Amino acid sequence: MPDYSHAVISGHCLDQLAERKLSIDELALVLKNCDAVLASERERVILHKIVLSDGKTYLWRVVIDISCDPPKVVTVYRTSKLKKYLKEH
């Protein structure tokens, strides 16, 4: 899997991390070691990482704009609806 740990984190992404009470350290782990990379529209990719937290399984989804140099993390969220998103690949 590609390593996106060098990606720039957008202001919007930082706002989403704070609003959703997600850790920037966990985001860094997803960027460095994701489980899957999905193609998206407009020169973007979506990283998937399944993470166990507080006894629950979550899917992290990280949207990255790859048209930038370095790539830019557009947004991030965590969901417990694994079946909904994992059917994409």
PDB file of N, CA and C in Angstrom:
ATOM      1  N   MET A   1       0.835  -1.191   0.000  1.00  0.00           N
ATOM      2  CA  MET A   1       0.000   0.000   0.000  1.00  0.00           C
ATOM      3  C   MET A   1       0.877   1.251   0.000  1.00  0.00           C
ATOM      4  N   PRO A   2       0.410   2.294  -0.664  1.00  0.00           N
ATOM      5  CA  PRO A   2       1.171   3.546  -0.662  1.00  0.00           C
ATOM      6  C   PRO A   2       1.215   4.173   0.732  1.00  0.00           C
ATOM      7  N   ASP A   3       2.279   4.894   0.981  1.00  0.00           N
ATOM      8  CA  ASP A   3       2.463   5.607   2.245  1.00  0.00           C
ATOM      9  C   ASP A   3       2.159   7.086   1.996  1.00  0.00           C
ATOM     10  N   TYR A   4       1.090   7.587   2.601  1.00  0.00           N
ATOM     11  CA  TYR A   4       0.706   8.997   2.445  1.00  0.00           C
ATOM     12  C   TYR A   4       1.065   9.811   3.681  1.00  0.00           C
ATOM     13  N   SER A   5       2.025   9.339   4.470  1.00  0.00           N
ATOM     14  CA  SER A   5       2.373  10.044   5.708  1.00  0.00           C
ATOM     15  C   SER A   5       2.961  11.428   5.452  1.00  0.00           C
ATOM     16  N   HIS A   6       3.405  11.681   4.235  1.00  0.00           N
ATOM     17  CA  HIS A   6       3.956  12.994   3.884  1.00  0.00           C
ATOM     18  C   HIS A   6       2.870  13.982   3.435  1.00  0.00           C
ATOM     19  N   ALA A   7       1.624  13.542   3.396  1.00  0.00           N
ATOM     20  CA  ALA A   7       0.522  14.397   2.931  1.00  0.00           C
ATOM     21  C   ALA A   7       0.295  15.575   3.881  1.00  0.00           C
ATOM     22  N   VAL A   8      -0.095  16.698   3.307  1.00  0.00           N
ATOM     23  CA  VAL A   8      -0.446  17.892   4.067  1.00  0.00           C
ATOM     24  C   VAL A   8      -1.873  17.737   4.575  1.00  0.00           C
ATOM     25  N   ILE A   9      -2.130  18.119   5.801  1.00  0.00           N
ATOM     26  CA  ILE A   9      -3.473  18.015   6.372  1.00  0.00           C
ATOM     27  C   ILE A   9      -4.156  19.373   6.247  1.00  0.00           C
ATOM     28  N   SER A  10      -5.277  19.399   5.549  1.00  0.00           N
ATOM     29  CA  SER A  10      -5.999  20.652   5.314  1.00  0.00           C
ATOM     30  C   SER A  10      -6.643  21.171   6.596  1.00  0.00           C
ATOM     31  N   GLY A  11      -6.960  22.444   6.594  1.00  0.00           N
ATOM     32  CA  GLY A  11      -7.671  23.045   7.721  1.00  0.00           C
ATOM     33  C   GLY A  11      -9.018  22.382   7.949  1.00  0.00           C
ATOM     34  N   HIS A  12      -9.703  22.059   6.862  1.00  0.00           N
ATOM     35  CA  HIS A  12     -10.995  21.386   6.973  1.00  0.00           C
ATOM     36  C   HIS A  12     -10.833  20.038   7.672  1.00  0.00           C
ATOM     37  N   CYS A  13      -9.795  19.308   7.309  1.00  0.00           N
ATOM     38  CA  CYS A  13      -9.550  18.008   7.926  1.00  0.00           C
ATOM     39  C   CYS A  13      -9.282  18.171   9.424  1.00  0.00           C
ATOM     40  N   LEU A  14      -8.488  19.159   9.787  1.00  0.00           N
ATOM     41  CA  LEU A  14      -8.218  19.405  11.211  1.00  0.00           C
ATOM     42  C   LEU A  14      -9.507  19.739  11.960  1.00  0.00           C
ATOM     43  N   ASP A  15     -10.379  20.522  11.317  1.00  0.00           N
ATOM     44  CA  ASP A  15     -11.679  20.836  11.925  1.00  0.00           C
ATOM     45  C   ASP A  15     -12.509  19.566  12.119  1.00  0.00           C
ATOM     46  N   GLN A  16     -12.498  18.680  11.115  1.00  0.00           N
ATOM     47  CA  GLN A  16     -13.261  17.441  11.199  1.00  0.00           C
ATOM     48  C   GLN A  16     -12.721  16.517  12.286  1.00  0.00           C
ATOM     49  N   LEU A  17     -11.410  16.465  12.426  1.00  0.00           N
ATOM     50  CA  LEU A  17     -10.807  15.668  13.501  1.00  0.00           C
ATOM     51  C   LEU A  17     -11.307  16.158  14.857  1.00  0.00           C
ATOM     52  N   ALA A  18     -11.283  17.470  15.054  1.00  0.00           N
ATOM     53  CA  ALA A  18     -11.720  18.036  16.331  1.00  0.00           C
ATOM     54  C   ALA A  18     -13.212  17.812  16.555  1.00  0.00           C
ATOM     55  N   GLU A  19     -14.017  18.081  15.527  1.00  0.00           N
ATOM     56  CA  GLU A  19     -15.470  17.945  15.648  1.00  0.00           C
ATOM     57  C   GLU A  19     -15.883  16.501  15.923  1.00  0.00           C
ATOM     58  N   ARG A  20     -15.188  15.571  15.305  1.00  0.00           N
ATOM     59  CA  ARG A  20     -15.537  14.158  15.445  1.00  0.00           C
ATOM     60  C   ARG A  20     -14.754  13.459  16.565  1.00  0.00           C
ATOM     61  N   LYS A  21     -13.952  14.254  17.283  1.00  0.00           N
ATOM     62  CA  LYS A  21     -13.152  13.740  18.402  1.00  0.00           C
ATOM     63  C   LYS A  21     -12.258  12.578  17.979  1.00  0.00           C
ATOM     64  N   LEU A  22     -11.578  12.782  16.842  1.00  0.00           N
ATOM     65  CA  LEU A  22     -10.651  11.792  16.314  1.00  0.00           C
ATOM     66  C   LEU A  22      -9.222  12.274  16.539  1.00  0.00           C
ATOM     67  N   SER A  23      -8.331  11.337  16.708  1.00  0.00           N
ATOM     68  CA  SER A  23      -6.945  11.638  17.027  1.00  0.00           C
ATOM     69  C   SER A  23      -6.105  11.850  15.767  1.00  0.00           C
ATOM     70  N   ILE A  24      -5.271  12.878  15.794  1.00  0.00           N
ATOM     71  CA  ILE A  24      -4.355  13.108  14.674  1.00  0.00           C
ATOM     72  C   ILE A  24      -3.312  11.994  14.612  1.00  0.00           C
ATOM     73  N   ASP A  25      -3.001  11.384  15.752  1.00  0.00           N
ATOM     74  CA  ASP A  25      -2.064  10.250  15.767  1.00  0.00           C
ATOM     75  C   ASP A  25      -2.664   9.040  15.048  1.00  0.00           C
ATOM     76  N   GLU A  26      -3.960   8.808  15.260  1.00  0.00           N
ATOM     77  CA  GLU A  26      -4.627   7.709  14.548  1.00  0.00           C
ATOM     78  C   GLU A  26      -4.680   7.998  13.048  1.00  0.00           C
ATOM     79  N   LEU A  27      -4.926   9.249  12.694  1.00  0.00           N
ATOM     80  CA  LEU A  27      -4.912   9.632  11.281  1.00  0.00           C
ATOM     81  C   LEU A  27      -3.538   9.344  10.685  1.00  0.00           C
ATOM     82  N   ALA A  28      -2.491   9.675  11.400  1.00  0.00           N
ATOM     83  CA  ALA A  28      -1.128   9.429  10.914  1.00  0.00           C
ATOM     84  C   ALA A  28      -0.898   7.940  10.653  1.00  0.00           C
ATOM     85  N   LEU A  29      -1.444   7.080  11.513  1.00  0.00           N
ATOM     86  CA  LEU A  29      -1.307   5.630  11.309  1.00  0.00           C
ATOM     87  C   LEU A  29      -2.030   5.172  10.047  1.00  0.00           C
ATOM     88  N   VAL A  30      -3.207   5.737   9.801  1.00  0.00           N
ATOM     89  CA  VAL A  30      -3.966   5.392   8.595  1.00  0.00           C
ATOM     90  C   VAL A  30      -3.205   5.840   7.353  1.00  0.00           C
ATOM     91  N   LEU A  31      -2.642   7.051   7.397  1.00  0.00           N
ATOM     92  CA  LEU A  31      -1.894   7.575   6.252  1.00  0.00           C
ATOM     93  C   LEU A  31      -0.672   6.721   5.945  1.00  0.00           C
ATOM     94  N   LYS A  32      -0.049   6.206   6.981  1.00  0.00           N
ATOM     95  CA  LYS A  32       1.175   5.416   6.806  1.00  0.00           C
ATOM     96  C   LYS A  32       0.882   3.961   6.442  1.00  0.00           C
ATOM     97  N   ASN A  33      -0.225   3.415   6.948  1.00  0.00           N
ATOM     98  CA  ASN A  33      -0.461   1.988   6.796  1.00  0.00           C
ATOM     99  C   ASN A  33      -1.956   1.693   6.628  1.00  0.00           C
ATOM    100  N   CYS A  34      -2.512   2.045   5.488  1.00  0.00           N
ATOM    101  CA  CYS A  34      -3.942   1.794   5.253  1.00  0.00           C
ATOM    102  C   CYS A  34      -4.155   0.360   4.779  1.00  0.00           C
ATOM    103  N   ASP A  35      -5.405  -0.084   4.827  1.00  0.00           N
ATOM    104  CA  ASP A  35      -5.757  -1.423   4.367  1.00  0.00           C
ATOM    105  C   ASP A  35      -6.097  -1.450   2.882  1.00  0.00           C
ATOM    106  N   ALA A  36      -6.628  -0.344   2.352  1.00  0.00           N
ATOM    107  CA  ALA A  36      -7.038  -0.280   0.950  1.00  0.00           C
ATOM    108  C   ALA A  36      -7.002   1.162   0.462  1.00  0.00           C
ATOM    109  N   VAL A  37      -6.773   1.310  -0.848  1.00  0.00           N
ATOM    110  CA  VAL A  37      -6.817   2.618  -1.504  1.00  0.00           C
ATOM    111  C   VAL A  37      -7.813   2.508  -2.645  1.00  0.00           C
ATOM    112  N   LEU A  38      -8.851   3.340  -2.589  1.00  0.00           N
ATOM    113  CA  LEU A  38      -9.900   3.321  -3.613  1.00  0.00           C
ATOM    114  C   LEU A  38      -9.807   4.576  -4.471  1.00  0.00           C
ATOM    115  N   ALA A  39      -9.992   4.418  -5.755  1.00  0.00           N
ATOM    116  CA  ALA A  39     -10.041   5.572  -6.647  1.00  0.00           C
ATOM    117  C   ALA A  39     -11.348   6.311  -6.427  1.00  0.00           C
ATOM    118  N   SER A  40     -11.293   7.616  -6.562  1.00  0.00           N
ATOM    119  CA  SER A  40     -12.472   8.453  -6.410  1.00  0.00           C
ATOM    120  C   SER A  40     -12.495   9.442  -7.564  1.00  0.00           C
ATOM    121  N   GLU A  41     -13.442  10.349  -7.564  1.00  0.00           N
ATOM    122  CA  GLU A  41     -13.504  11.343  -8.633  1.00  0.00           C
ATOM    123  C   GLU A  41     -12.527  12.493  -8.356  1.00  0.00           C
ATOM    124  N   ARG A  42     -12.291  13.281  -9.343  1.00  0.00           N
ATOM    125  CA  ARG A  42     -11.490  14.503  -9.254  1.00  0.00           C
ATOM    126  C   ARG A  42     -10.095  14.296  -8.670  1.00  0.00           C
ATOM    127  N   GLU A  43      -9.380  13.328  -9.177  1.00  0.00           N
ATOM    128  CA  GLU A  43      -8.004  13.081  -8.749  1.00  0.00           C
ATOM    129  C   GLU A  43      -7.879  12.929  -7.233  1.00  0.00           C
ATOM    130  N   ARG A  44      -8.779  12.147  -6.690  1.00  0.00           N
ATOM    131  CA  ARG A  44      -8.760  11.859  -5.258  1.00  0.00           C
ATOM    132  C   ARG A  44      -8.752  10.355  -5.031  1.00  0.00           C
ATOM    133  N   VAL A  45      -8.205   9.976  -3.899  1.00  0.00           N
ATOM    134  CA  VAL A  45      -8.266   8.586  -3.469  1.00  0.00           C
ATOM    135  C   VAL A  45      -8.853   8.548  -2.067  1.00  0.00           C
ATOM    136  N   ILE A  46      -9.417   7.405  -1.709  1.00  0.00           N
ATOM    137  CA  ILE A  46      -9.966   7.217  -0.370  1.00  0.00           C
ATOM    138  C   ILE A  46      -9.212   6.064   0.275  1.00  0.00           C
ATOM    139  N   LEU A  47      -8.613   6.348   1.420  1.00  0.00           N
ATOM    140  CA  LEU A  47      -7.915   5.321   2.175  1.00  0.00           C
ATOM    141  C   LEU A  47      -8.883   4.683   3.154  1.00  0.00           C
ATOM    142  N   HIS A  48      -8.794   3.374   3.302  1.00  0.00           N
ATOM    143  CA  HIS A  48      -9.586   2.630   4.284  1.00  0.00           C
ATOM    144  C   HIS A  48      -8.651   1.986   5.288  1.00  0.00           C
ATOM    145  N   LYS A  49      -9.054   2.019   6.534  1.00  0.00           N
ATOM    146  CA  LYS A  49      -8.314   1.316   7.588  1.00  0.00           C
ATOM    147  C   LYS A  49      -9.315   0.861   8.633  1.00  0.00           C
ATOM    148  N   ILE A  50      -9.320  -0.436   8.936  1.00  0.00           N
ATOM    149  CA  ILE A  50     -10.177  -0.955   9.997  1.00  0.00           C
ATOM    150  C   ILE A  50      -9.404  -0.862  11.301  1.00  0.00           C
ATOM    151  N   VAL A  51     -10.044  -0.256  12.312  1.00  0.00           N
ATOM    152  CA  VAL A  51      -9.395   0.006  13.593  1.00  0.00           C
ATOM    153  C   VAL A  51     -10.313  -0.452  14.722  1.00  0.00           C
ATOM    154  N   LEU A  52      -9.740  -1.121  15.701  1.00  0.00           N
ATOM    155  CA  LEU A  52     -10.468  -1.509  16.901  1.00  0.00           C
ATOM    156  C   LEU A  52     -10.251  -0.426  17.951  1.00  0.00           C
ATOM    157  N   SER A  53     -11.346   0.112  18.486  1.00  0.00           N
ATOM    158  CA  SER A  53     -11.256   1.183  19.475  1.00  0.00           C
ATOM    159  C   SER A  53     -12.375   1.013  20.495  1.00  0.00           C
ATOM    160  N   ASP A  54     -12.024   1.010  21.766  1.00  0.00           N
ATOM    161  CA  ASP A  54     -13.009   0.865  22.844  1.00  0.00           C
ATOM    162  C   ASP A  54     -13.892  -0.371  22.652  1.00  0.00           C
ATOM    163  N   GLY A  55     -13.303  -1.460  22.185  1.00  0.00           N
ATOM    164  CA  GLY A  55     -14.038  -2.703  22.005  1.00  0.00           C
ATOM    165  C   GLY A  55     -14.939  -2.743  20.787  1.00  0.00           C
ATOM    166  N   LYS A  56     -14.891  -1.719  19.934  1.00  0.00           N
ATOM    167  CA  LYS A  56     -15.719  -1.660  18.731  1.00  0.00           C
ATOM    168  C   LYS A  56     -14.816  -1.592  17.500  1.00  0.00           C
ATOM    169  N   THR A  57     -15.348  -2.083  16.391  1.00  0.00           N
ATOM    170  CA  THR A  57     -14.613  -2.039  15.131  1.00  0.00           C
ATOM    171  C   THR A  57     -15.134  -0.880  14.291  1.00  0.00           C
ATOM    172  N   TYR A  58     -14.199  -0.052  13.825  1.00  0.00           N
ATOM    173  CA  TYR A  58     -14.534   1.113  13.011  1.00  0.00           C
ATOM    174  C   TYR A  58     -13.744   1.081  11.708  1.00  0.00           C
ATOM    175  N   LEU A  59     -14.295   1.735  10.713  1.00  0.00           N
ATOM    176  CA  LEU A  59     -13.601   1.947   9.456  1.00  0.00           C
ATOM    177  C   LEU A  59     -13.266   3.427   9.360  1.00  0.00           C
ATOM    178  N   TRP A  60     -11.988   3.723   9.220  1.00  0.00           N
ATOM    179  CA  TRP A  60     -11.552   5.089   8.961  1.00  0.00           C
ATOM    180  C   TRP A  60     -11.545   5.286   7.453  1.00  0.00           C
ATOM    181  N   ARG A  61     -12.095   6.406   7.013  1.00  0.00           N
ATOM    182  CA  ARG A  61     -12.055   6.784   5.597  1.00  0.00           C
ATOM    183  C   ARG A  61     -11.379   8.142   5.502  1.00  0.00           C
ATOM    184  N   VAL A  62     -10.327   8.197   4.710  1.00  0.00           N
ATOM    185  CA  VAL A  62      -9.531   9.413   4.563  1.00  0.00           C
ATOM    186  C   VAL A  62      -9.502   9.773   3.082  1.00  0.00           C
ATOM    187  N   VAL A  63      -9.967  10.970   2.754  1.00  0.00           N
ATOM    188  CA  VAL A  63     -10.005  11.433   1.365  1.00  0.00           C
ATOM    189  C   VAL A  63      -8.769  12.292   1.117  1.00  0.00           C
ATOM    190  N   ILE A  64      -8.023  11.930   0.061  1.00  0.00           N
ATOM    191  CA  ILE A  64      -6.776  12.624  -0.257  1.00  0.00           C
ATOM    192  C   ILE A  64      -6.816  13.137  -1.685  1.00  0.00           C
ATOM    193  N   ASP A  65      -6.455  14.408  -1.851  1.00  0.00           N
ATOM    194  CA  ASP A  65      -6.326  15.018  -3.171  1.00  0.00           C
ATOM    195  C   ASP A  65      -4.911  14.725  -3.656  1.00  0.00           C
ATOM    196  N   ILE A  66      -4.807  13.882  -4.685  1.00  0.00           N
ATOM    197  CA  ILE A  66      -3.488  13.495  -5.177  1.00  0.00           C
ATOM    198  C   ILE A  66      -2.996  14.386  -6.316  1.00  0.00           C
ATOM    199  N   SER A  67      -3.773  15.410  -6.680  1.00  0.00           N
ATOM    200  CA  SER A  67      -3.335  16.339  -7.721  1.00  0.00           C
ATOM    201  C   SER A  67      -2.359  17.369  -7.155  1.00  0.00           C
ATOM    202  N   CYS A  68      -2.268  17.452  -5.844  1.00  0.00           N
ATOM    203  CA  CYS A  68      -1.365  18.387  -5.177  1.00  0.00           C
ATOM    204  C   CYS A  68      -0.010  17.720  -4.963  1.00  0.00           C
ATOM    205  N   ASP A  69       1.023  18.545  -4.802  1.00  0.00           N
ATOM    206  CA  ASP A  69       2.347  18.023  -4.477  1.00  0.00           C
ATOM    207  C   ASP A  69       2.908  18.817  -3.306  1.00  0.00           C
ATOM    208  N   PRO A  70       2.936  18.265  -2.118  1.00  0.00           N
ATOM    209  CA  PRO A  70       2.559  16.905  -1.747  1.00  0.00           C
ATOM    210  C   PRO A  70       1.033  16.750  -1.707  1.00  0.00           C
ATOM    211  N   PRO A  71       0.548  15.509  -1.685  1.00  0.00           N
ATOM    212  CA  PRO A  71      -0.899  15.275  -1.600  1.00  0.00           C
ATOM    213  C   PRO A  71      -1.498  15.948  -0.364  1.00  0.00           C
ATOM    214  N   LYS A  72      -2.794  16.262  -0.452  1.00  0.00           N
ATOM    215  CA  LYS A  72      -3.471  16.953   0.654  1.00  0.00           C
ATOM    216  C   LYS A  72      -4.627  16.119   1.188  1.00  0.00           C
ATOM    217  N   VAL A  73      -4.672  15.950   2.513  1.00  0.00           N
ATOM    218  CA  VAL A  73      -5.786  15.254   3.154  1.00  0.00           C
ATOM    219  C   VAL A  73      -6.959  16.223   3.186  1.00  0.00           C
ATOM    220  N   VAL A  74      -8.028  15.873   2.492  1.00  0.00           N
ATOM    221  CA  VAL A  74      -9.191  16.745   2.367  1.00  0.00           C
ATOM    222  C   VAL A  74     -10.107  16.607   3.578  1.00  0.00           C
ATOM    223  N   THR A  75     -10.450  15.377   3.922  1.00  0.00           N
ATOM    224  CA  THR A  75     -11.332  15.144   5.065  1.00  0.00           C
ATOM    225  C   THR A  75     -11.122  13.725   5.589  1.00  0.00           C
ATOM    226  N   VAL A  76     -11.677  13.490   6.759  1.00  0.00           N
ATOM    227  CA  VAL A  76     -11.541  12.190   7.408  1.00  0.00           C
ATOM    228  C   VAL A  76     -12.785  11.931   8.246  1.00  0.00           C
ATOM    229  N   TYR A  77     -13.193  10.671   8.301  1.00  0.00           N
ATOM    230  CA  TYR A  77     -14.252  10.299   9.230  1.00  0.00           C
ATOM    231  C   TYR A  77     -14.118   8.831   9.581  1.00  0.00           C
ATOM    232  N   ARG A  78     -14.794   8.453  10.636  1.00  0.00           N
ATOM    233  CA  ARG A  78     -14.788   7.087  11.140  1.00  0.00           C
ATOM    234  C   ARG A  78     -16.233   6.618  11.181  1.00  0.00           C
ATOM    235  N   THR A  79     -16.463   5.377  10.749  1.00  0.00           N
ATOM    236  CA  THR A  79     -17.815   4.841  10.727  1.00  0.00           C
ATOM    237  C   THR A  79     -17.826   3.415  11.260  1.00  0.00           C
ATOM    238  N   SER A  80     -18.948   3.046  11.828  1.00  0.00           N
ATOM    239  CA  SER A  80     -19.122   1.659  12.272  1.00  0.00           C
ATOM    240  C   SER A  80     -19.873   0.850  11.206  1.00  0.00           C
ATOM    241  N   LYS A  81     -20.254   1.485  10.106  1.00  0.00           N
ATOM    242  CA  LYS A  81     -21.010   0.835   9.032  1.00  0.00           C
ATOM    243  C   LYS A  81     -20.051   0.190   8.029  1.00  0.00           C
ATOM    244  N   LEU A  82     -19.330  -0.819   8.491  1.00  0.00           N
ATOM    245  CA  LEU A  82     -18.332  -1.463   7.657  1.00  0.00           C
ATOM    246  C   LEU A  82     -18.922  -2.083   6.397  1.00  0.00           C
ATOM    247  N   LYS A  83     -20.043  -2.769   6.513  1.00  0.00           N
ATOM    248  CA  LYS A  83     -20.652  -3.427   5.351  1.00  0.00           C
ATOM    249  C   LYS A  83     -20.980  -2.438   4.234  1.00  0.00           C
ATOM    250  N   LYS A  84     -21.443  -1.262   4.617  1.00  0.00           N
ATOM    251  CA  LYS A  84     -21.812  -0.248   3.627  1.00  0.00           C
ATOM    252  C   LYS A  84     -20.628   0.146   2.769  1.00  0.00           C
ATOM    253  N   TYR A  85     -19.467   0.333   3.380  1.00  0.00           N
ATOM    254  CA  TYR A  85     -18.309   0.850   2.660  1.00  0.00           C
ATOM    255  C   TYR A  85     -17.384  -0.231   2.129  1.00  0.00           C
ATOM    256  N   LEU A  86     -17.332  -1.364   2.766  1.00  0.00           N
ATOM    257  CA  LEU A  86     -16.416  -2.402   2.330  1.00  0.00           C
ATOM    258  C   LEU A  86     -16.910  -3.149   1.097  1.00  0.00           C
ATOM    259  N   LYS A  87     -18.168  -2.968   0.736  1.00  0.00           N
ATOM    260  CA  LYS A  87     -18.667  -3.586  -0.490  1.00  0.00           C
ATOM    261  C   LYS A  87     -18.143  -2.869  -1.733  1.00  0.00           C
ATOM    262  N   GLU A  88     -17.519  -1.687  -1.538  1.00  0.00           N
ATOM    263  CA  GLU A  88     -16.993  -0.903  -2.663  1.00  0.00           C
ATOM    264  C   GLU A  88     -15.827  -1.595  -3.348  1.00  0.00           C
ATOM    265  N   HIS A  89     -15.098  -2.444  -2.633  1.00  0.00           N
ATOM    266  CA  HIS A  89     -13.917  -3.065  -3.255  1.00  0.00           C
ATOM    267  C   HIS A  89     -13.906  -4.532  -3.075  1.00  0.00           C
TER     268      HIS A  89
END
